[in-house]
C-alpha cells in the first residue's frame, strides 16, 4: 500500500481542523482532537504545522478562496441588475444559514476569539478576506457605472457582517433577508444616480 503523500496528510489535517474549528470554536478544540479526527498522531500533525496558531491561520486561508468563489458564483448566477445580484448574495447566505450545521462566518468568529491577540496571523488572514470581498464588490459596482464604488462596497460589506452577527445572535436567517432588501435598495439608488448622471 502506497504511503500517503505529505500533501494528502496536510489536507487531512486541514479538513479535520475545518470541521472542528468551525463547529466548536478555535479555543475549544485541542491539537489532540484534530490529530485524532485526522487519524494521525500529534507528532505527525506537528510535522506539518509547527503550532496550533499556525494551524488556525491555515484553517482560515483554506476557507478564503472557496468563500469568495461562492459569493462570486451567487452574484453571477442571479438575474437582473447589479442591485438584484448583490441582493442574491445575501439571500444565498440566508439559505445556507438554515442548515443545521451553520455556525456563522468562520472569519468573524475566529477574529472575535482572538480579539485580545490583534497581532495573531489568523487575524490578518480574516481582515484580508474581508478586504478582498469589499474590493471585489467595488469592482462589480464600478463595472456597472456606479461612481464612488469603494464607498458603496464598504457599506454593503457592513450590511453583510451585520447580517452574519445578527443571525448568529438570534439564530434567524431573516436578518440576512432583511439585509438583502437593504443592500438591493442601496445599490439600486446608486444605480439610479449613475443613470441620471449620464442622461
Protein backbone atom coordinates (compact mmCIF):
# COMPACT_ATOMS: atom_id res chain seq x y z
CA UNK A 1 0.00 0.00 0.00
CA UNK A 2 1.40 3.40 -1.00
CA UNK A 3 2.24 5.78 1.76
CA UNK A 4 0.09 8.95 1.75
CA UNK A 5 1.86 11.96 0.31
CA UNK A 6 2.72 14.93 2.50
CA UNK A 7 0.10 16.98 0.68
CA UNK A 8 -2.59 14.40 1.36
CA UNK A 9 -1.70 14.32 5.05
CA UNK A 10 -1.76 18.11 5.23
CA UNK A 11 -5.16 18.14 3.54
CA UNK A 12 -6.48 15.60 6.04
CA UNK A 13 -5.31 17.78 8.91
CA UNK A 14 -6.93 20.88 7.37
CA UNK A 15 -10.19 19.02 6.74
CA UNK A 16 -10.28 17.94 10.37
CA UNK A 17 -9.36 21.43 11.56
CA UNK A 18 -12.09 22.97 9.40
CA UNK A 19 -14.77 20.71 10.84
CA UNK A 20 -13.68 21.12 14.46
CA UNK A 21 -12.65 24.79 14.48
CA UNK A 22 -15.78 25.86 12.60
CA UNK A 23 -18.09 23.60 14.56
CA UNK A 24 -16.76 24.19 18.07
CA UNK A 25 -14.51 27.27 18.01
CA UNK A 26 -10.75 27.56 17.93
CA UNK A 27 -10.17 27.80 21.68
CA UNK A 28 -12.40 24.82 22.48
CA UNK A 29 -10.57 22.47 20.10
CA UNK A 30 -7.23 20.95 21.03
CA UNK A 31 -4.44 19.83 18.73
CA UNK A 32 -5.01 16.31 20.10
CA UNK A 33 -8.64 16.40 18.93
CA UNK A 34 -7.64 17.50 15.44
CA UNK A 35 -4.94 14.82 15.20
CA UNK A 36 -7.44 12.18 16.34
CA UNK A 37 -10.07 13.31 13.81
CA UNK A 38 -7.43 13.28 11.05
CA UNK A 39 -6.36 9.77 12.07
CA UNK A 40 -2.82 10.87 12.89
CA UNK A 41 -0.51 11.16 15.85
CA UNK A 42 0.06 14.60 17.33
CA UNK A 43 3.70 14.25 16.30
CA UNK A 44 2.63 13.82 12.66
CA UNK A 45 0.44 16.90 12.89
CA UNK A 46 3.30 18.97 14.26
CA UNK A 47 5.45 17.80 11.37
CA UNK A 48 3.12 19.75 9.05
CA UNK A 49 2.10 22.59 11.38
CA UNK A 50 4.57 23.87 13.95
CA UNK A 51 1.89 25.15 16.32
CA UNK A 52 -1.84 25.44 16.87
CA UNK A 53 -1.59 29.11 15.89
CA UNK A 54 -0.12 28.13 12.52
CA UNK A 55 -2.94 25.63 12.04
CA UNK A 56 -5.58 28.28 12.88
CA UNK A 57 -4.03 30.55 10.26
CA UNK A 58 -4.03 27.74 7.66
CA UNK A 59 -7.66 26.95 8.52
CA UNK A 60 -8.74 30.45 7.57
CA UNK A 61 -6.52 30.52 4.48
CA UNK A 62 -8.20 27.31 3.30
CA UNK A 63 -11.63 28.98 3.57
CA UNK A 64 -10.64 32.19 1.79
CA UNK A 65 -10.94 31.35 -1.91
CA UNK A 66 -13.89 28.92 -1.61
CA UNK A 67 -15.93 31.58 0.23
CA UNK A 68 -15.06 34.32 -2.25
CA UNK A 69 -15.84 31.96 -5.16
CA UNK A 70 -19.26 31.22 -3.63
CA UNK A 71 -20.10 34.93 -3.39
CA UNK A 72 -18.97 35.47 -6.97
CA UNK A 73 -20.96 32.46 -8.18
CA UNK A 74 -24.15 33.63 -6.49
CA UNK A 75 -23.71 37.11 -7.93
CA UNK A 76 -23.07 35.89 -11.47
CA UNK A 77 -25.91 33.34 -11.42
CA UNK A 78 -28.54 35.89 -10.35
CA UNK A 79 -30.66 37.58 -12.96
CA UNK A 80 -31.42 41.28 -13.07
CA UNK A 81 -29.44 44.40 -12.30
CA UNK A 82 -26.31 44.67 -10.18
CA UNK A 83 -28.67 45.56 -7.30
CA UNK A 84 -30.54 42.27 -7.76
CA UNK A 85 -27.26 40.38 -7.99
CA UNK A 86 -25.97 41.97 -4.79
CA UNK A 87 -29.20 41.04 -3.02
CA UNK A 88 -28.78 37.45 -4.23
CA UNK A 89 -25.55 37.08 -2.24
CA UNK A 90 -27.43 37.84 0.99
CA UNK A 91 -30.33 35.56 0.08
CA UNK A 92 -27.94 32.67 -0.52
CA UNK A 93 -26.24 33.34 2.82
CA UNK A 94 -29.70 33.21 4.44
CA UNK A 95 -30.39 29.89 2.71
CA UNK A 96 -27.09 28.44 3.95
CA UNK A 97 -27.83 29.68 7.46
CA UNK A 98 -30.84 27.39 7.59
CA UNK A 99 -28.54 24.35 7.53
CA UNK A 100 -28.32 22.77 10.99
CA UNK A 101 -24.51 22.81 10.91
CA UNK A 102 -24.28 26.51 10.08
CA UNK A 103 -22.31 28.37 12.76
CA UNK A 104 -21.88 31.81 11.25
CA UNK A 105 -18.93 33.39 9.48
CA UNK A 106 -15.77 31.46 10.34
CA UNK A 107 -13.65 34.55 9.76
CA UNK A 108 -15.64 36.80 12.11
CA UNK A 109 -15.88 34.12 14.78
CA UNK A 110 -12.15 33.43 14.69
CA UNK A 111 -11.22 37.12 14.81
CA UNK A 112 -13.62 37.57 17.74
CA UNK A 113 -11.99 34.71 19.63
CA UNK A 114 -8.61 36.34 19.01
CA UNK A 115 -9.74 39.84 19.96
CA UNK A 116 -7.07 40.04 22.67
CA UNK A 117 -4.38 38.98 20.16
CA UNK A 118 -4.58 41.55 17.32
CA UNK A 119 -1.15 40.51 16.05
CA UNK A 120 -2.18 36.88 15.52
CA UNK A 121 -1.57 35.82 11.89
CA UNK A 122 -5.14 34.48 11.60
CA UNK A 123 -6.50 37.95 12.36
CA UNK A 124 -4.55 39.28 9.38
CA UNK A 125 -6.00 36.50 7.21
CA UNK A 126 -9.53 37.34 8.36
CA UNK A 127 -9.03 41.05 7.68
CA UNK A 128 -7.55 40.34 4.25
CA UNK A 129 -10.51 38.12 3.36
CA UNK A 130 -12.99 40.85 4.23
CA UNK A 131 -10.98 43.38 2.21
CA UNK A 132 -10.95 41.04 -0.81
CA UNK A 133 -14.74 40.77 -0.67
CA UNK A 134 -15.02 44.54 -0.42
CA UNK A 135 -12.61 45.10 -3.33
CA UNK A 136 -14.43 42.52 -5.46
CA UNK A 137 -17.76 44.28 -4.82
CA UNK A 138 -16.20 47.64 -5.67
CA UNK A 139 -15.04 46.21 -8.98
CA UNK A 140 -18.53 44.94 -9.84
CA UNK A 141 -20.11 48.26 -8.88
CA UNK A 142 -17.56 50.22 -10.88
CA UNK A 143 -18.17 47.99 -13.91
CA UNK A 144 -21.87 48.84 -13.63
CA UNK A 145 -21.01 52.54 -13.92
CA UNK A 146 -21.54 53.42 -10.26
CA UNK A 147 -19.35 56.26 -9.03
CA UNK A 148 -17.89 56.03 -5.53
CA UNK A 149 -17.92 52.25 -5.83
CA UNK A 150 -15.41 51.86 -2.98
CA UNK A 151 -17.72 53.62 -0.53
CA UNK A 152 -20.74 51.61 -1.70
CA UNK A 153 -18.79 48.36 -1.41
CA UNK A 154 -17.86 49.24 2.16
CA UNK A 155 -21.50 49.97 3.00
CA UNK A 156 -22.64 46.64 1.58
CA UNK A 157 -19.81 44.85 3.41
CA UNK A 158 -21.02 46.36 6.68
CA UNK A 159 -24.51 45.06 5.91
CA UNK A 160 -23.06 41.60 5.27
CA UNK A 161 -21.09 41.42 8.50
CA UNK A 162 -24.05 42.85 10.40
CA UNK A 163 -26.25 40.14 8.93
CA UNK A 164 -23.76 37.47 9.99
CA UNK A 165 -23.64 38.86 13.54
CA UNK A 166 -27.42 39.19 13.85
CA UNK A 167 -28.05 35.68 12.53
CA UNK A 168 -25.54 34.22 14.96
CA UNK A 169 -27.12 36.14 17.82
CA UNK A 170 -30.76 35.40 17.02
CA UNK A 171 -30.45 32.16 15.01
CA UNK A 172 -32.76 33.75 12.47
CA UNK A 173 -31.85 33.84 8.72
CA UNK A 174 -34.48 36.54 8.34
CA UNK A 175 -31.80 39.06 9.27
CA UNK A 176 -29.84 38.23 6.12
CA UNK A 177 -33.05 38.55 4.11
CA UNK A 178 -33.64 41.99 5.63
CA UNK A 179 -30.05 42.92 4.77
CA UNK A 180 -30.66 41.66 1.21
CA UNK A 181 -33.50 44.16 0.86
CA UNK A 182 -31.40 46.97 2.32
CA UNK A 183 -28.45 46.15 0.04
CA UNK A 184 -30.67 45.99 -3.03
CA UNK A 185 -32.25 49.37 -2.25
CA UNK A 186 -28.87 50.93 -1.54
CA UNK A 187 -27.30 49.72 -4.79
CA UNK A 188 -30.47 50.43 -6.78
CA UNK A 189 -30.43 54.03 -5.56
CA UNK A 190 -26.79 54.43 -6.60
CA UNK A 191 -27.57 52.86 -9.97
CA UNK A 192 -30.33 55.40 -10.47
CA UNK A 193 -27.91 58.19 -9.63
CA UNK A 194 -25.43 56.77 -12.13
CA UNK A 195 -28.11 56.55 -14.83
CA UNK A 196 -29.31 60.13 -14.26
CA UNK A 197 -25.76 61.49 -14.46
CA UNK A 198 -25.46 60.04 -17.97
CA UNK A 199 -28.85 61.27 -19.20
